[in-house]
């Protein structure tokens, strides 16, 4: 049943605008982090960003839920989801240090395809022949994007696939989260996992980095020691944290004020930002094969998404406002919207 006009989920223009703006903010994050990849450690960036983001997120938790919002009903599940998000985020930004932005974004957008595969193999959910065909074409699209230039075996391409896989796993974990844990609480635990993950990984890097000598840009981004940033770079790192908090809010709000079927397709504007920023800042011109691969992947993801939406409507016979919200680092952690890996680029 479509929500009545009095429902909060009847403002499609507001939802679309919030979604597009939130993705624009996360695209700015990509640009800044990619520009930092030759100077700083990705772990240092993640740690500072998460520390800064914790402040507005905690304030949001207290304002919306009070002190009870600091307590999770399933903290282990939330932390597991957060660590998967951290792994996805880390692999994603290591990848963009070595590959064109649009190629990495396209590979990571294979996450909805992977969700379908994992749901069928691990959760034994029924997947029909047409959706399996869409899965096959989706993987073909990834090969088209990374294959012609020989990048399919490139470490950065494998890292992008790892980012997509980790995010897909986090979506499956998200299905274990009950309705009692609120979006900002889920986001808070994600940030906590990022802080813990970046701290542990930094200690490991300091301990064992002497055993590695590499010219690989992605590995250098991971293994580089922490340094005191310049004032302007420090301000940009602070901006990353605030930017993440605002971006999370925009995506949460977008799916609250408008149905998921209206907002979700506009998540693909993230690819447009990736193409635009890649061209303007790094003179990255997408190959014809990349454009074709992107179009094929979008078509496959849309088909899977529409099929999932139709099945859920048939099962529930009614639409519940606010039941699905995009996930993150990349975010809110509600199940249902598995179209785009917002958490990856948004950490």
C-alpha atoms as a PDB file:
ATOM      1  CA  UNK A   1       0.000   0.000   0.000  1.00  0.00           C
ATOM      2  CA  UNK A   2       1.410   3.374  -1.017  1.00  0.00           C
ATOM      3  CA  UNK A   3       1.826   5.707   1.923  1.00  0.00           C
ATOM      4  CA  UNK A   4      -0.749   8.401   2.350  1.00  0.00           C
ATOM      5  CA  UNK A   5       0.055  12.049   1.888  1.00  0.00           C
ATOM      6  CA  UNK A   6       0.474  12.450   5.615  1.00  0.00           C
ATOM      7  CA  UNK A   7       3.343   9.941   5.581  1.00  0.00           C
ATOM      8  CA  UNK A   8       6.893  11.246   5.802  1.00  0.00           C
ATOM      9  CA  UNK A   9       7.722   9.223   2.697  1.00  0.00           C
ATOM     10  CA  UNK A  10       5.843  11.299   0.119  1.00  0.00           C
ATOM     11  CA  UNK A  11       8.427  13.914  -0.899  1.00  0.00           C
ATOM     12  CA  UNK A  12      10.227  12.455  -3.920  1.00  0.00           C
ATOM     13  CA  UNK A  13      11.948  15.699  -4.996  1.00  0.00           C
ATOM     14  CA  UNK A  14      13.382  16.202  -1.513  1.00  0.00           C
ATOM     15  CA  UNK A  15      14.540  12.580  -1.370  1.00  0.00           C
ATOM     16  CA  UNK A  16      16.203  12.736  -4.767  1.00  0.00           C
ATOM     17  CA  UNK A  17      17.882  16.067  -3.969  1.00  0.00           C
ATOM     18  CA  UNK A  18      19.228  14.788  -0.656  1.00  0.00           C
ATOM     19  CA  UNK A  19      20.526  11.616  -2.289  1.00  0.00           C
ATOM     20  CA  UNK A  20      22.296  13.441  -5.124  1.00  0.00           C
ATOM     21  CA  UNK A  21      23.806  16.003  -2.757  1.00  0.00           C
ATOM     22  CA  UNK A  22      24.972  13.304  -0.341  1.00  0.00           C
ATOM     23  CA  UNK A  23      26.674  11.423  -3.164  1.00  0.00           C
ATOM     24  CA  UNK A  24      28.293  14.649  -4.349  1.00  0.00           C
ATOM     25  CA  UNK A  25      29.780  15.070  -0.869  1.00  0.00           C
ATOM     26  CA  UNK A  26      31.147  11.544  -0.928  1.00  0.00           C
ATOM     27  CA  UNK A  27      32.579  12.195  -4.389  1.00  0.00           C
ATOM     28  CA  UNK A  28      34.454  15.171  -2.946  1.00  0.00           C
ATOM     29  CA  UNK A  29      35.792  12.779  -0.324  1.00  0.00           C
ATOM     30  CA  UNK A  30      37.100  10.514  -3.089  1.00  0.00           C
ATOM     31  CA  UNK A  31      38.875  13.428  -4.741  1.00  0.00           C
ATOM     32  CA  UNK A  32      40.565  14.538  -1.524  1.00  0.00           C
ATOM     33  CA  UNK A  33      41.661  11.052  -0.511  1.00  0.00           C
ATOM     34  CA  UNK A  34      42.966  10.227  -3.987  1.00  0.00           C
ATOM     35  CA  UNK A  35      44.966  13.473  -3.940  1.00  0.00           C
ATOM     36  CA  UNK A  36      46.384  12.439  -0.520  1.00  0.00           C
ATOM     37  CA  UNK A  37      47.400   8.974  -1.766  1.00  0.00           C
ATOM     38  CA  UNK A  38      50.928  10.056  -2.677  1.00  0.00           C
ATOM     39  CA  UNK A  39      51.630  11.806   0.638  1.00  0.00           C
ATOM     40  CA  UNK A  40      49.809  10.237   3.570  1.00  0.00           C
ATOM     41  CA  UNK A  41      48.832   6.797   4.813  1.00  0.00           C
ATOM     42  CA  UNK A  42      45.287   5.715   4.077  1.00  0.00           C
ATOM     43  CA  UNK A  43      45.116   4.435   7.671  1.00  0.00           C
ATOM     44  CA  UNK A  44      45.995   7.879   9.010  1.00  0.00           C
ATOM     45  CA  UNK A  45      43.291   9.439   6.856  1.00  0.00           C
ATOM     46  CA  UNK A  46      40.699   6.885   7.991  1.00  0.00           C
ATOM     47  CA  UNK A  47      41.588   7.372  11.652  1.00  0.00           C
ATOM     48  CA  UNK A  48      41.438  11.181  11.590  1.00  0.00           C
ATOM     49  CA  UNK A  49      38.275  11.187   9.509  1.00  0.00           C
ATOM     50  CA  UNK A  50      36.546   8.735  11.845  1.00  0.00           C
ATOM     51  CA  UNK A  51      37.605  10.643  14.960  1.00  0.00           C
ATOM     52  CA  UNK A  52      36.178  13.875  13.572  1.00  0.00           C
ATOM     53  CA  UNK A  53      32.995  12.225  12.301  1.00  0.00           C
ATOM     54  CA  UNK A  54      32.328  10.684  15.726  1.00  0.00           C
ATOM     55  CA  UNK A  55      31.615  14.107  17.224  1.00  0.00           C
ATOM     56  CA  UNK A  56      28.599  15.112  15.067  1.00  0.00           C
ATOM     57  CA  UNK A  57      27.401  11.496  14.967  1.00  0.00           C
ATOM     58  CA  UNK A  58      27.348  11.247  18.769  1.00  0.00           C
ATOM     59  CA  UNK A  59      25.509  14.573  18.920  1.00  0.00           C
ATOM     60  CA  UNK A  60      22.970  13.251  16.400  1.00  0.00           C
ATOM     61  CA  UNK A  61      22.506  10.070  18.457  1.00  0.00           C
ATOM     62  CA  UNK A  62      21.895  12.058  21.637  1.00  0.00           C
ATOM     63  CA  UNK A  63      19.475  14.444  19.932  1.00  0.00           C
ATOM     64  CA  UNK A  64      17.436  11.708  18.260  1.00  0.00           C
ATOM     65  CA  UNK A  65      17.534   8.883  20.822  1.00  0.00           C
ATOM     66  CA  UNK A  66      19.126  10.239  23.978  1.00  0.00           C
ATOM     67  CA  UNK A  67      21.656   8.201  25.924  1.00  0.00           C
ATOM     68  CA  UNK A  68      19.781   5.003  25.117  1.00  0.00           C
ATOM     69  CA  UNK A  69      20.882   5.510  21.506  1.00  0.00           C
ATOM     70  CA  UNK A  70      24.453   4.752  22.574  1.00  0.00           C
ATOM     71  CA  UNK A  71      23.429   1.199  23.407  1.00  0.00           C
ATOM     72  CA  UNK A  72      22.984  -1.297  20.596  1.00  0.00           C
ATOM     73  CA  UNK A  73      20.698  -4.298  20.847  1.00  0.00           C
ATOM     74  CA  UNK A  74      23.106  -6.382  18.758  1.00  0.00           C
ATOM     75  CA  UNK A  75      26.510  -4.737  19.281  1.00  0.00           C
ATOM     76  CA  UNK A  76      28.514  -7.692  17.968  1.00  0.00           C
ATOM     77  CA  UNK A  77      26.541  -7.745  14.741  1.00  0.00           C
ATOM     78  CA  UNK A  78      26.942  -4.001  14.333  1.00  0.00           C
ATOM     79  CA  UNK A  79      30.685  -4.164  14.970  1.00  0.00           C
ATOM     80  CA  UNK A  80      31.090  -7.074  12.548  1.00  0.00           C
ATOM     81  CA  UNK A  81      29.230  -5.067   9.948  1.00  0.00           C
ATOM     82  CA  UNK A  82      31.438  -2.071  10.751  1.00  0.00           C
ATOM     83  CA  UNK A  83      34.659  -4.067  10.323  1.00  0.00           C
ATOM     84  CA  UNK A  84      33.460  -5.348   6.955  1.00  0.00           C
ATOM     85  CA  UNK A  85      32.756  -1.733   6.029  1.00  0.00           C
ATOM     86  CA  UNK A  86      36.266  -0.789   7.149  1.00  0.00           C
ATOM     87  CA  UNK A  87      37.788  -3.525   4.986  1.00  0.00           C
ATOM     88  CA  UNK A  88      35.683  -2.391   2.030  1.00  0.00           C
ATOM     89  CA  UNK A  89      36.607   1.250   2.568  1.00  0.00           C
ATOM     90  CA  UNK A  90      40.311   0.468   2.918  1.00  0.00           C
ATOM     91  CA  UNK A  91      40.428  -1.654  -0.229  1.00  0.00           C
ATOM     92  CA  UNK A  92      38.447   0.940  -2.189  1.00  0.00           C
ATOM     93  CA  UNK A  93      40.797   3.809  -1.419  1.00  0.00           C
ATOM     94  CA  UNK A  94      43.893   1.704  -1.989  1.00  0.00           C
ATOM     95  CA  UNK A  95      42.460   0.928  -5.414  1.00  0.00           C
ATOM     96  CA  UNK A  96      41.800   4.545  -6.419  1.00  0.00           C
ATOM     97  CA  UNK A  97      45.427   5.346  -5.614  1.00  0.00           C
ATOM     98  CA  UNK A  98      46.466   3.228  -8.600  1.00  0.00           C
ATOM     99  CA  UNK A  99      43.521   3.157 -11.043  1.00  0.00           C
ATOM    100  CA  UNK A 100      41.281   5.762 -12.700  1.00  0.00           C
ATOM    101  CA  UNK A 101      38.456   6.777 -10.378  1.00  0.00           C
ATOM    102  CA  UNK A 102      35.646   5.781 -12.733  1.00  0.00           C
ATOM    103  CA  UNK A 103      37.064   2.264 -13.208  1.00  0.00           C
ATOM    104  CA  UNK A 104      37.244   1.644  -9.454  1.00  0.00           C
ATOM    105  CA  UNK A 105      33.757   3.061  -8.854  1.00  0.00           C
ATOM    106  CA  UNK A 106      32.349   0.838 -11.603  1.00  0.00           C
ATOM    107  CA  UNK A 107      33.969  -2.309 -10.185  1.00  0.00           C
ATOM    108  CA  UNK A 108      32.709  -1.527  -6.694  1.00  0.00           C
ATOM    109  CA  UNK A 109      29.218  -1.032  -8.090  1.00  0.00           C
ATOM    110  CA  UNK A 110      29.199  -4.781  -8.716  1.00  0.00           C
ATOM    111  CA  UNK A 111      28.271  -5.224  -5.032  1.00  0.00           C
ATOM    112  CA  UNK A 112      24.527  -5.685  -5.770  1.00  0.00           C
ATOM    113  CA  UNK A 113      25.462  -8.481  -8.174  1.00  0.00           C
ATOM    114  CA  UNK A 114      27.570 -10.126  -5.470  1.00  0.00           C
ATOM    115  CA  UNK A 115      24.715  -9.783  -2.966  1.00  0.00           C
ATOM    116  CA  UNK A 116      22.518 -11.858  -5.258  1.00  0.00           C
ATOM    117  CA  UNK A 117      25.203 -14.548  -5.577  1.00  0.00           C
ATOM    118  CA  UNK A 118      25.870 -14.671  -1.826  1.00  0.00           C
ATOM    119  CA  UNK A 119      22.161 -14.700  -1.005  1.00  0.00           C
ATOM    120  CA  UNK A 120      21.665 -17.711  -3.241  1.00  0.00           C
ATOM    121  CA  UNK A 121      24.757 -19.644  -2.126  1.00  0.00           C
ATOM    122  CA  UNK A 122      24.923 -18.814   1.594  1.00  0.00           C
ATOM    123  CA  UNK A 123      21.345 -17.959   2.546  1.00  0.00           C
ATOM    124  CA  UNK A 124      19.768 -20.369   0.042  1.00  0.00           C
ATOM    125  CA  UNK A 125      17.418 -17.674  -1.214  1.00  0.00           C
ATOM    126  CA  UNK A 126      15.689 -18.580  -4.494  1.00  0.00           C
ATOM    127  CA  UNK A 127      17.154 -16.876  -7.550  1.00  0.00           C
ATOM    128  CA  UNK A 128      15.489 -17.429 -10.902  1.00  0.00           C
ATOM    129  CA  UNK A 129      17.116 -17.976 -14.278  1.00  0.00           C
ATOM    130  CA  UNK A 130      16.592 -14.380 -15.367  1.00  0.00           C
ATOM    131  CA  UNK A 131      18.363 -12.989 -12.305  1.00  0.00           C
ATOM    132  CA  UNK A 132      21.222 -15.447 -12.774  1.00  0.00           C
ATOM    133  CA  UNK A 133      21.469 -14.159 -16.340  1.00  0.00           C
ATOM    134  CA  UNK A 134      21.666 -10.609 -14.995  1.00  0.00           C
ATOM    135  CA  UNK A 135      24.418 -11.731 -12.577  1.00  0.00           C
ATOM    136  CA  UNK A 136      26.404 -13.248 -15.447  1.00  0.00           C
ATOM    137  CA  UNK A 137      26.066 -10.097 -17.556  1.00  0.00           C
ATOM    138  CA  UNK A 138      27.040  -7.989 -14.530  1.00  0.00           C
ATOM    139  CA  UNK A 139      30.301  -9.900 -14.134  1.00  0.00           C
ATOM    140  CA  UNK A 140      30.847  -9.620 -17.870  1.00  0.00           C
ATOM    141  CA  UNK A 141      30.504  -5.852 -17.490  1.00  0.00           C
ATOM    142  CA  UNK A 142      33.290  -5.855 -14.883  1.00  0.00           C
ATOM    143  CA  UNK A 143      35.561  -7.824 -17.218  1.00  0.00           C
ATOM    144  CA  UNK A 144      34.797  -5.330 -19.978  1.00  0.00           C
ATOM    145  CA  UNK A 145      35.748  -2.416 -17.722  1.00  0.00           C
ATOM    146  CA  UNK A 146      39.056  -3.797 -16.458  1.00  0.00           C
ATOM    147  CA  UNK A 147      39.979  -6.360 -19.105  1.00  0.00           C
ATOM    148  CA  UNK A 148      40.957  -4.646 -22.351  1.00  0.00           C
ATOM    149  CA  UNK A 149      43.925  -2.774 -20.843  1.00  0.00           C
ATOM    150  CA  UNK A 150      45.148  -5.847 -18.991  1.00  0.00           C
ATOM    151  CA  UNK A 151      44.019  -4.552 -15.599  1.00  0.00           C
ATOM    152  CA  UNK A 152      41.963  -7.600 -14.682  1.00  0.00           C
ATOM    153  CA  UNK A 153      44.947  -9.036 -12.811  1.00  0.00           C
ATOM    154  CA  UNK A 154      46.077  -5.665 -11.480  1.00  0.00           C
ATOM    155  CA  UNK A 155      46.302  -5.581  -7.686  1.00  0.00           C
ATOM    156  CA  UNK A 156      44.223  -2.395  -7.597  1.00  0.00           C
ATOM    157  CA  UNK A 157      41.476  -4.061  -9.629  1.00  0.00           C
ATOM    158  CA  UNK A 158      41.504  -7.000  -7.217  1.00  0.00           C
ATOM    159  CA  UNK A 159      41.290  -4.553  -4.322  1.00  0.00           C
ATOM    160  CA  UNK A 160      38.244  -2.942  -5.916  1.00  0.00           C
ATOM    161  CA  UNK A 161      36.644  -6.377  -6.200  1.00  0.00           C
ATOM    162  CA  UNK A 162      37.522  -7.033  -2.553  1.00  0.00           C
ATOM    163  CA  UNK A 163      35.825  -3.753  -1.640  1.00  0.00           C
ATOM    164  CA  UNK A 164      32.684  -4.843  -3.466  1.00  0.00           C
ATOM    165  CA  UNK A 165      32.769  -8.305  -1.867  1.00  0.00           C
ATOM    166  CA  UNK A 166      33.265  -6.953   1.662  1.00  0.00           C
ATOM    167  CA  UNK A 167      30.404  -4.533   1.183  1.00  0.00           C
ATOM    168  CA  UNK A 168      28.151  -7.290  -0.149  1.00  0.00           C
ATOM    169  CA  UNK A 169      28.952  -9.330   2.969  1.00  0.00           C
ATOM    170  CA  UNK A 170      28.095  -6.339   5.152  1.00  0.00           C
ATOM    171  CA  UNK A 171      24.699  -6.183   3.463  1.00  0.00           C
ATOM    172  CA  UNK A 172      24.043  -9.810   4.378  1.00  0.00           C
ATOM    173  CA  UNK A 173      25.099  -9.045   7.957  1.00  0.00           C
ATOM    174  CA  UNK A 174      22.754  -6.044   7.898  1.00  0.00           C
ATOM    175  CA  UNK A 175      19.833  -8.427   7.510  1.00  0.00           C
ATOM    176  CA  UNK A 176      20.563  -9.685  11.030  1.00  0.00           C
ATOM    177  CA  UNK A 177      20.034  -6.225  12.505  1.00  0.00           C
ATOM    178  CA  UNK A 178      16.640  -5.819  14.092  1.00  0.00           C
ATOM    179  CA  UNK A 179      14.379  -2.755  13.974  1.00  0.00           C
ATOM    180  CA  UNK A 180      15.379  -1.663  17.486  1.00  0.00           C
ATOM    181  CA  UNK A 181      18.780  -0.309  16.444  1.00  0.00           C
ATOM    182  CA  UNK A 182      18.298   3.159  15.000  1.00  0.00           C
ATOM    183  CA  UNK A 183      20.176   4.489  11.936  1.00  0.00           C
ATOM    184  CA  UNK A 184      22.435   6.887  13.869  1.00  0.00           C
ATOM    185  CA  UNK A 185      23.262   4.151  16.386  1.00  0.00           C
ATOM    186  CA  UNK A 186      24.284   1.851  13.540  1.00  0.00           C
ATOM    187  CA  UNK A 187      26.385   4.636  12.043  1.00  0.00           C
ATOM    188  CA  UNK A 188      28.036   5.258  15.419  1.00  0.00           C
ATOM    189  CA  UNK A 189      29.096   1.628  15.725  1.00  0.00           C
ATOM    190  CA  UNK A 190      30.386   1.701  12.158  1.00  0.00           C
ATOM    191  CA  UNK A 191      32.604   4.657  13.022  1.00  0.00           C
ATOM    192  CA  UNK A 192      33.772   2.878  16.156  1.00  0.00           C
ATOM    193  CA  UNK A 193      34.754  -0.130  14.036  1.00  0.00           C
ATOM    194  CA  UNK A 194      36.648   2.171  11.674  1.00  0.00           C
ATOM    195  CA  UNK A 195      38.584   3.660  14.583  1.00  0.00           C
ATOM    196  CA  UNK A 196      39.456   0.254  16.012  1.00  0.00           C
ATOM    197  CA  UNK A 197      40.292  -1.188  12.601  1.00  0.00           C
ATOM    198  CA  UNK A 198      42.549   1.684  11.537  1.00  0.00           C
ATOM    199  CA  UNK A 199      44.334   1.621  14.912  1.00  0.00           C
ATOM    200  CA  UNK A 200      45.051  -2.112  14.808  1.00  0.00           C
ATOM    201  CA  UNK A 201      46.070  -1.996  11.148  1.00  0.00           C
ATOM    202  CA  UNK A 202      48.423   0.934  11.834  1.00  0.00           C
ATOM    203  CA  UNK A 203      50.170  -1.004  14.613  1.00  0.00           C
ATOM    204  CA  UNK A 204      50.581  -3.991  12.289  1.00  0.00           C
ATOM    205  CA  UNK A 205      51.972  -1.785   9.529  1.00  0.00           C
ATOM    206  CA  UNK A 206      54.494  -0.184  11.874  1.00  0.00           C
ATOM    207  CA  UNK A 207      55.533  -3.635  13.112  1.00  0.00           C
ATOM    208  CA  UNK A 208      55.914  -5.373   9.755  1.00  0.00           C
ATOM    209  CA  UNK A 209      56.296  -2.627   7.114  1.00  0.00           C
ATOM    210  CA  UNK A 210      60.083  -3.019   7.199  1.00  0.00           C
ATOM    211  CA  UNK A 211      59.663  -6.401   5.543  1.00  0.00           C
ATOM    212  CA  UNK A 212      58.002  -4.839   2.506  1.00  0.00           C
ATOM    213  CA  UNK A 213      59.584  -2.793  -0.249  1.00  0.00           C
ATOM    214  CA  UNK A 214      57.171  -2.090  -3.065  1.00  0.00           C
ATOM    215  CA  UNK A 215      56.627   0.259  -5.973  1.00  0.00           C
ATOM    216  CA  UNK A 216      52.919  -0.530  -6.087  1.00  0.00           C
ATOM    217  CA  UNK A 217      50.951   2.662  -5.504  1.00  0.00           C
ATOM    218  CA  UNK A 218      48.111   0.913  -3.697  1.00  0.00           C
ATOM    219  CA  UNK A 219      50.455  -0.832  -1.251  1.00  0.00           C
ATOM    220  CA  UNK A 220      52.457   2.349  -0.717  1.00  0.00           C
ATOM    221  CA  UNK A 221      49.239   4.091   0.282  1.00  0.00           C
ATOM    222  CA  UNK A 222      48.727   1.411   2.942  1.00  0.00           C
ATOM    223  CA  UNK A 223      52.306   1.002   4.186  1.00  0.00           C
ATOM    224  CA  UNK A 224      53.335   4.653   4.267  1.00  0.00           C
ATOM    225  CA  UNK A 225      54.167   5.854   7.819  1.00  0.00           C
ATOM    226  CA  UNK A 226      52.036   8.501   9.502  1.00  0.00           C
ATOM    227  CA  UNK A 227      53.329  12.059   9.207  1.00  0.00           C
ATOM    228  CA  UNK A 228      52.302  15.391  10.653  1.00  0.00           C
ATOM    229  CA  UNK A 229      50.102  16.939   7.958  1.00  0.00           C
ATOM    230  CA  UNK A 230      50.444  20.477   6.700  1.00  0.00           C
ATOM    231  CA  UNK A 231      47.885  22.917   8.097  1.00  0.00           C
ATOM    232  CA  UNK A 232      45.799  22.970   4.919  1.00  0.00           C
ATOM    233  CA  UNK A 233      45.877  19.159   4.686  1.00  0.00           C
ATOM    234  CA  UNK A 234      44.890  18.867   8.345  1.00  0.00           C
ATOM    235  CA  UNK A 235      41.893  21.078   7.661  1.00  0.00           C
ATOM    236  CA  UNK A 236      40.951  18.883   4.703  1.00  0.00           C
ATOM    237  CA  UNK A 237      41.106  15.784   6.907  1.00  0.00           C
ATOM    238  CA  UNK A 238      38.812  17.490   9.401  1.00  0.00           C
ATOM    239  CA  UNK A 239      36.533  18.361   6.501  1.00  0.00           C
ATOM    240  CA  UNK A 240      36.444  14.669   5.519  1.00  0.00           C
ATOM    241  CA  UNK A 241      35.002  13.799   8.926  1.00  0.00           C
ATOM    242  CA  UNK A 242      32.371  16.527   8.863  1.00  0.00           C
ATOM    243  CA  UNK A 243      31.642  15.742   5.226  1.00  0.00           C
ATOM    244  CA  UNK A 244      31.017  12.089   6.113  1.00  0.00           C
ATOM    245  CA  UNK A 245      28.584  12.987   8.895  1.00  0.00           C
ATOM    246  CA  UNK A 246      26.596  15.337   6.630  1.00  0.00           C
ATOM    247  CA  UNK A 247      26.658  12.799   3.794  1.00  0.00           C
ATOM    248  CA  UNK A 248      25.297  10.093   6.088  1.00  0.00           C
ATOM    249  CA  UNK A 249      22.486  12.388   7.191  1.00  0.00           C
ATOM    250  CA  UNK A 250      21.555  13.216   3.597  1.00  0.00           C
ATOM    251  CA  UNK A 251      21.309   9.559   2.628  1.00  0.00           C
ATOM    252  CA  UNK A 252      19.405   8.610   5.767  1.00  0.00           C
ATOM    253  CA  UNK A 253      16.952  11.447   5.232  1.00  0.00           C
ATOM    254  CA  UNK A 254      16.621  10.758   1.502  1.00  0.00           C
ATOM    255  CA  UNK A 255      15.278   7.269   2.100  1.00  0.00           C
ATOM    256  CA  UNK A 256      13.045   8.437   4.921  1.00  0.00           C
ATOM    257  CA  UNK A 257      11.202  11.157   2.996  1.00  0.00           C
ATOM    258  CA  UNK A 258      10.848   9.246  -0.280  1.00  0.00           C
ATOM    259  CA  UNK A 259      10.253   5.615  -1.335  1.00  0.00           C
ATOM    260  CA  UNK A 260      13.359   3.568  -2.076  1.00  0.00           C
ATOM    261  CA  UNK A 261      12.116   2.835  -5.602  1.00  0.00           C
ATOM    262  CA  UNK A 262      12.209   6.568  -6.342  1.00  0.00           C
ATOM    263  CA  UNK A 263      15.545   7.444  -4.747  1.00  0.00           C
ATOM    264  CA  UNK A 264      17.728   4.382  -5.375  1.00  0.00           C
ATOM    265  CA  UNK A 265      18.189   4.855  -9.146  1.00  0.00           C
ATOM    266  CA  UNK A 266      19.734   8.276  -8.512  1.00  0.00           C
ATOM    267  CA  UNK A 267      22.610   6.663  -6.646  1.00  0.00           C
ATOM    268  CA  UNK A 268      24.103   6.043 -10.075  1.00  0.00           C
ATOM    269  CA  UNK A 269      24.805   9.770 -10.298  1.00  0.00           C
ATOM    270  CA  UNK A 270      27.878   8.805  -8.284  1.00  0.00           C
ATOM    271  CA  UNK A 271      29.399   7.435 -11.491  1.00  0.00           C
ATOM    272  CA  UNK A 272      28.744  10.771 -13.181  1.00  0.00           C
ATOM    273  CA  UNK A 273      30.664  12.577 -10.429  1.00  0.00           C
ATOM    274  CA  UNK A 274      33.486  10.045 -10.749  1.00  0.00           C
ATOM    275  CA  UNK A 275      33.736  10.638 -14.494  1.00  0.00           C
ATOM    276  CA  UNK A 276      33.544  14.421 -14.098  1.00  0.00           C
ATOM    277  CA  UNK A 277      36.107  14.749 -11.290  1.00  0.00           C
ATOM    278  CA  UNK A 278      38.402  12.190 -12.902  1.00  0.00           C
ATOM    279  CA  UNK A 279      38.453  14.148 -16.138  1.00  0.00           C
ATOM    280  CA  UNK A 280      38.706  17.666 -14.660  1.00  0.00           C
ATOM    281  CA  UNK A 281      41.336  16.912 -12.005  1.00  0.00           C
ATOM    282  CA  UNK A 282      43.383  13.992 -13.366  1.00  0.00           C
ATOM    283  CA  UNK A 283      42.526  14.145 -17.099  1.00  0.00           C
ATOM    284  CA  UNK A 284      41.119  10.623 -16.898  1.00  0.00           C
ATOM    285  CA  UNK A 285      39.097   9.971 -20.049  1.00  0.00           C
ATOM    286  CA  UNK A 286      36.887   6.860 -19.827  1.00  0.00           C
ATOM    287  CA  UNK A 287      37.512   4.263 -22.523  1.00  0.00           C
ATOM    288  CA  UNK A 288      34.662   3.309 -24.825  1.00  0.00           C
ATOM    289  CA  UNK A 289      34.741  -0.161 -23.270  1.00  0.00           C
ATOM    290  CA  UNK A 290      34.442   1.388 -19.806  1.00  0.00           C
ATOM    291  CA  UNK A 291      31.353   3.332 -20.848  1.00  0.00           C
ATOM    292  CA  UNK A 292      29.792   0.209 -22.329  1.00  0.00           C
ATOM    293  CA  UNK A 293      30.645  -1.798 -19.215  1.00  0.00           C
ATOM    294  CA  UNK A 294      29.124   0.845 -16.952  1.00  0.00           C
ATOM    295  CA  UNK A 295      25.913   0.883 -18.986  1.00  0.00           C
ATOM    296  CA  UNK A 296      25.678  -2.915 -18.890  1.00  0.00           C
ATOM    297  CA  UNK A 297      26.332  -3.051 -15.143  1.00  0.00           C
ATOM    298  CA  UNK A 298      23.696  -0.396 -14.438  1.00  0.00           C
ATOM    299  CA  UNK A 299      21.149  -2.269 -16.543  1.00  0.00           C
ATOM    300  CA  UNK A 300      21.848  -5.545 -14.710  1.00  0.00           C
ATOM    301  CA  UNK A 301      21.712  -3.920 -11.278  1.00  0.00           C
ATOM    302  CA  UNK A 302      18.437  -2.184 -12.120  1.00  0.00           C
ATOM    303  CA  UNK A 303      16.911  -5.448 -13.247  1.00  0.00           C
ATOM    304  CA  UNK A 304      17.954  -7.230 -10.043  1.00  0.00           C
ATOM    305  CA  UNK A 305      16.763  -4.289  -7.946  1.00  0.00           C
ATOM    306  CA  UNK A 306      13.348  -4.129  -9.609  1.00  0.00           C
ATOM    307  CA  UNK A 307      12.927  -7.890  -9.271  1.00  0.00           C
ATOM    308  CA  UNK A 308      13.814  -7.760  -5.558  1.00  0.00           C
ATOM    309  CA  UNK A 309      11.423  -4.854  -5.026  1.00  0.00           C
ATOM    310  CA  UNK A 310       8.596  -6.664  -6.795  1.00  0.00           C
ATOM    311  CA  UNK A 311       9.161  -9.837  -4.766  1.00  0.00           C
ATOM    312  CA  UNK A 312       9.144  -7.923  -1.483  1.00  0.00           C
ATOM    313  CA  UNK A 313       5.963  -6.083  -2.408  1.00  0.00           C
ATOM    314  CA  UNK A 314       4.302  -9.378  -3.272  1.00  0.00           C
ATOM    315  CA  UNK A 315       5.396 -10.837   0.081  1.00  0.00           C
ATOM    316  CA  UNK A 316       4.442  -7.886   2.257  1.00  0.00           C
ATOM    317  CA  UNK A 317       1.575  -6.365   0.223  1.00  0.00           C
ATOM    318  CA  UNK A 318       2.406  -3.026   1.738  1.00  0.00           C
ATOM    319  CA  UNK A 319       5.230  -0.489   1.762  1.00  0.00           C
ATOM    320  CA  UNK A 320       6.598   0.635   5.147  1.00  0.00           C
ATOM    321  CA  UNK A 321       8.005   4.192   5.233  1.00  0.00           C
ATOM    322  CA  UNK A 322      11.620   4.380   6.202  1.00  0.00           C
ATOM    323  CA  UNK A 323      12.190   0.622   6.194  1.00  0.00           C
ATOM    324  CA  UNK A 324      15.175   0.788   3.829  1.00  0.00           C
ATOM    325  CA  UNK A 325      18.120   3.129   4.060  1.00  0.00           C
ATOM    326  CA  UNK A 326      21.447   3.077   2.290  1.00  0.00           C
ATOM    327  CA  UNK A 327      24.247   1.547   4.297  1.00  0.00           C
ATOM    328  CA  UNK A 328      27.698   2.830   5.364  1.00  0.00           C
ATOM    329  CA  UNK A 329      31.017   3.772   6.034  1.00  0.00           C
ATOM    330  CA  UNK A 330      29.377   4.041   3.539  1.00  0.00           C
ATOM    331  CA  UNK A 331      26.108   4.252   6.872  1.00  0.00           C
ATOM    332  CA  UNK A 332      22.711   3.290   8.142  1.00  0.00           C
ATOM    333  CA  UNK A 333      22.599  -0.463   7.871  1.00  0.00           C
ATOM    334  CA  UNK A 334      18.943  -1.075   7.225  1.00  0.00           C
ATOM    335  CA  UNK A 335      18.222  -3.965   4.914  1.00  0.00           C
ATOM    336  CA  UNK A 336      16.385  -3.671   1.659  1.00  0.00           C
ATOM    337  CA  UNK A 337      18.268  -1.207  -0.488  1.00  0.00           C
ATOM    338  CA  UNK A 338      21.107  -3.183  -1.972  1.00  0.00           C
ATOM    339  CA  UNK A 339      21.397  -1.277  -5.202  1.00  0.00           C
ATOM    340  CA  UNK A 340      24.534   0.781  -4.550  1.00  0.00           C
ATOM    341  CA  UNK A 341      27.534   0.476  -2.239  1.00  0.00           C
ATOM    342  CA  UNK A 342      27.295   3.829  -0.564  1.00  0.00           C
ATOM    343  CA  UNK A 343      29.220   2.666   2.407  1.00  0.00           C
ATOM    344  CA  UNK A 344      32.265   1.901   0.346  1.00  0.00           C
ATOM    345  CA  UNK A 345      32.891   5.316  -0.990  1.00  0.00           C
ATOM    346  CA  UNK A 346      31.515   6.917   2.058  1.00  0.00           C
ATOM    347  CA  UNK A 347      33.018   4.754   4.628  1.00  0.00           C
END
